[in-house]
Amino acid sequence: ELAQDRTPHRPIRSEFVTIVTTSVIKGLLDDLWQQHVFNTEETEYMKEGFRIRADMARCLIDMVIRKGERASHIMIDGMKKRDHHLCSTLGLISSPAGVGELLPLMYFLNKRSVPALF
């Protein structure tokens, strides 16, 4: 069930880029590496290749989307562990109290065309 305030065109990607912190991004990268979604080179590139947090966040979410549904679920699980408020704000959980199931990130992102950068 979708969060009550979710609309199909809500800009999940841009909200993620705006809100997520560098420490959460680095934690998500560790999760994705440990689960063999990203290899060592991809992880190091993400951690060291960007000076601007928003660029790192854009690259992360785009790479995860390209990797598929398993990668999206791993990322969402990591977000829930590291930043419950972020998940709630993005509508990835059905209530602010955390009751409800996580929803696949790709479901929201693939419902509309997302420009490569914005």
Protein backbone atom coordinates (compact mmCIF):
# COMPACT_ATOMS: atom_id res chain seq x y z
CA GLU A 1 0.00 0.00 0.00
CA LEU A 2 1.35 3.40 -0.92
CA ALA A 3 1.89 6.13 1.61
CA GLN A 4 -1.14 8.37 1.71
CA ASP A 5 0.64 11.49 0.51
CA ARG A 6 2.32 9.80 -2.44
CA THR A 7 1.38 10.82 -5.95
CA PRO A 8 2.79 9.11 -9.05
CA HIS A 9 4.78 12.20 -10.06
CA ARG A 10 6.37 13.04 -6.74
CA PRO A 11 10.06 13.60 -7.44
CA ILE A 12 11.61 10.75 -5.44
CA ARG A 13 15.01 11.03 -7.10
CA SER A 14 15.38 14.77 -6.57
CA GLU A 15 14.16 14.48 -2.96
CA PHE A 16 16.71 11.73 -2.29
CA VAL A 17 19.48 13.87 -3.79
CA THR A 18 18.44 16.88 -1.69
CA ILE A 19 18.00 15.09 1.64
CA VAL A 20 20.49 12.21 1.88
CA THR A 21 23.68 12.89 3.85
CA THR A 22 27.22 11.91 2.89
CA SER A 23 27.46 9.52 5.84
CA VAL A 24 24.28 7.71 4.74
CA ILE A 25 25.56 7.51 1.15
CA LYS A 26 28.83 5.97 2.35
CA GLY A 27 26.93 3.51 4.53
CA LEU A 28 24.73 2.52 1.60
CA LEU A 29 27.83 2.02 -0.53
CA ASP A 30 29.21 -0.32 2.14
CA ASP A 31 25.92 -2.28 2.15
CA LEU A 32 25.89 -2.54 -1.63
CA TRP A 33 29.52 -3.66 -1.68
CA GLN A 34 28.98 -6.26 1.07
CA GLN A 35 25.99 -7.66 -0.84
CA HIS A 36 28.07 -7.87 -4.06
CA VAL A 37 25.95 -5.31 -5.89
CA PHE A 38 28.91 -2.97 -6.37
CA ASN A 39 32.46 -4.13 -6.86
CA THR A 40 35.43 -2.54 -5.09
CA GLU A 41 36.22 -0.21 -8.00
CA GLU A 42 32.63 1.09 -8.18
CA THR A 43 32.55 1.64 -4.44
CA GLU A 44 35.89 3.46 -4.36
CA TYR A 45 34.87 5.60 -7.35
CA MET A 46 31.67 6.64 -5.58
CA LYS A 47 33.46 7.44 -2.32
CA GLU A 48 36.37 9.35 -3.84
CA GLY A 49 35.19 10.54 -7.25
CA PHE A 50 32.81 13.29 -6.14
CA ARG A 51 33.42 16.51 -4.24
CA ILE A 52 29.75 17.50 -4.22
CA ARG A 53 27.38 15.39 -2.10
CA ALA A 54 24.44 15.87 -4.48
CA ASP A 55 26.49 14.54 -7.42
CA MET A 56 27.43 11.48 -5.36
CA ALA A 57 23.77 10.93 -4.45
CA ARG A 58 22.66 11.25 -8.12
CA CYS A 59 25.29 8.79 -9.27
CA LEU A 60 24.39 6.32 -6.49
CA ILE A 61 20.68 6.27 -7.22
CA ASP A 62 21.26 6.01 -10.98
CA MET A 63 23.72 3.12 -10.55
CA VAL A 64 21.35 1.27 -8.24
CA ILE A 65 18.45 1.66 -10.68
CA ARG A 66 20.60 0.26 -13.50
CA LYS A 67 21.58 -2.71 -11.31
CA GLY A 68 17.95 -3.74 -10.91
CA GLU A 69 15.36 -4.62 -8.31
CA ARG A 70 17.66 -6.59 -5.96
CA ALA A 71 19.99 -3.60 -5.71
CA SER A 72 17.03 -1.29 -5.03
CA HIS A 73 15.80 -3.51 -2.20
CA ILE A 74 19.27 -3.64 -0.64
CA MET A 75 19.53 0.14 -0.85
CA ILE A 76 16.08 0.65 0.71
CA ASP A 77 16.91 -1.77 3.54
CA GLY A 78 20.12 0.17 4.17
CA MET A 79 18.25 3.47 4.12
CA LYS A 80 15.77 2.15 6.66
CA LYS A 81 18.61 1.10 9.00
CA ARG A 82 20.59 4.31 8.59
CA ASP A 83 17.99 7.07 8.16
CA HIS A 84 14.40 6.21 8.99
CA HIS A 85 13.37 9.85 8.51
CA LEU A 86 14.69 9.79 4.93
CA CYS A 87 12.63 6.68 4.13
CA SER A 88 9.54 8.24 5.64
CA THR A 89 10.06 11.51 3.75
CA LEU A 90 10.50 9.65 0.46
CA GLY A 91 7.36 7.61 1.10
CA LEU A 92 9.22 4.30 1.11
CA ILE A 93 7.41 3.24 4.26
CA SER A 94 3.69 3.50 4.72
CA SER A 95 3.70 5.50 7.94
CA PRO A 96 6.02 7.83 9.83
CA ALA A 97 6.00 5.35 12.73
CA GLY A 98 7.58 2.72 10.47
CA VAL A 99 4.57 0.44 10.33
CA GLY A 100 4.16 -1.09 6.92
CA GLU A 101 6.29 -2.64 4.24
CA LEU A 102 9.12 -1.09 2.29
CA LEU A 103 8.22 -0.40 -1.29
CA PRO A 104 10.60 -0.99 -4.18
CA LEU A 105 12.45 2.18 -5.13
CA MET A 106 12.31 1.20 -8.80
CA TYR A 107 8.49 1.16 -8.68
CA PHE A 108 8.47 4.90 -8.09
CA LEU A 109 11.40 5.79 -10.30
CA ASN A 110 10.31 3.75 -13.32
CA LYS A 111 6.72 5.02 -13.32
CA ARG A 112 7.87 8.14 -15.15
CA SER A 113 10.83 9.13 -17.23
CA VAL A 114 13.66 10.51 -15.15
CA PRO A 115 16.20 12.81 -16.78
CA ALA A 116 19.82 11.74 -16.34
CA LEU A 117 20.56 14.92 -14.40
CA PHE A 118 18.43 17.60 -12.78
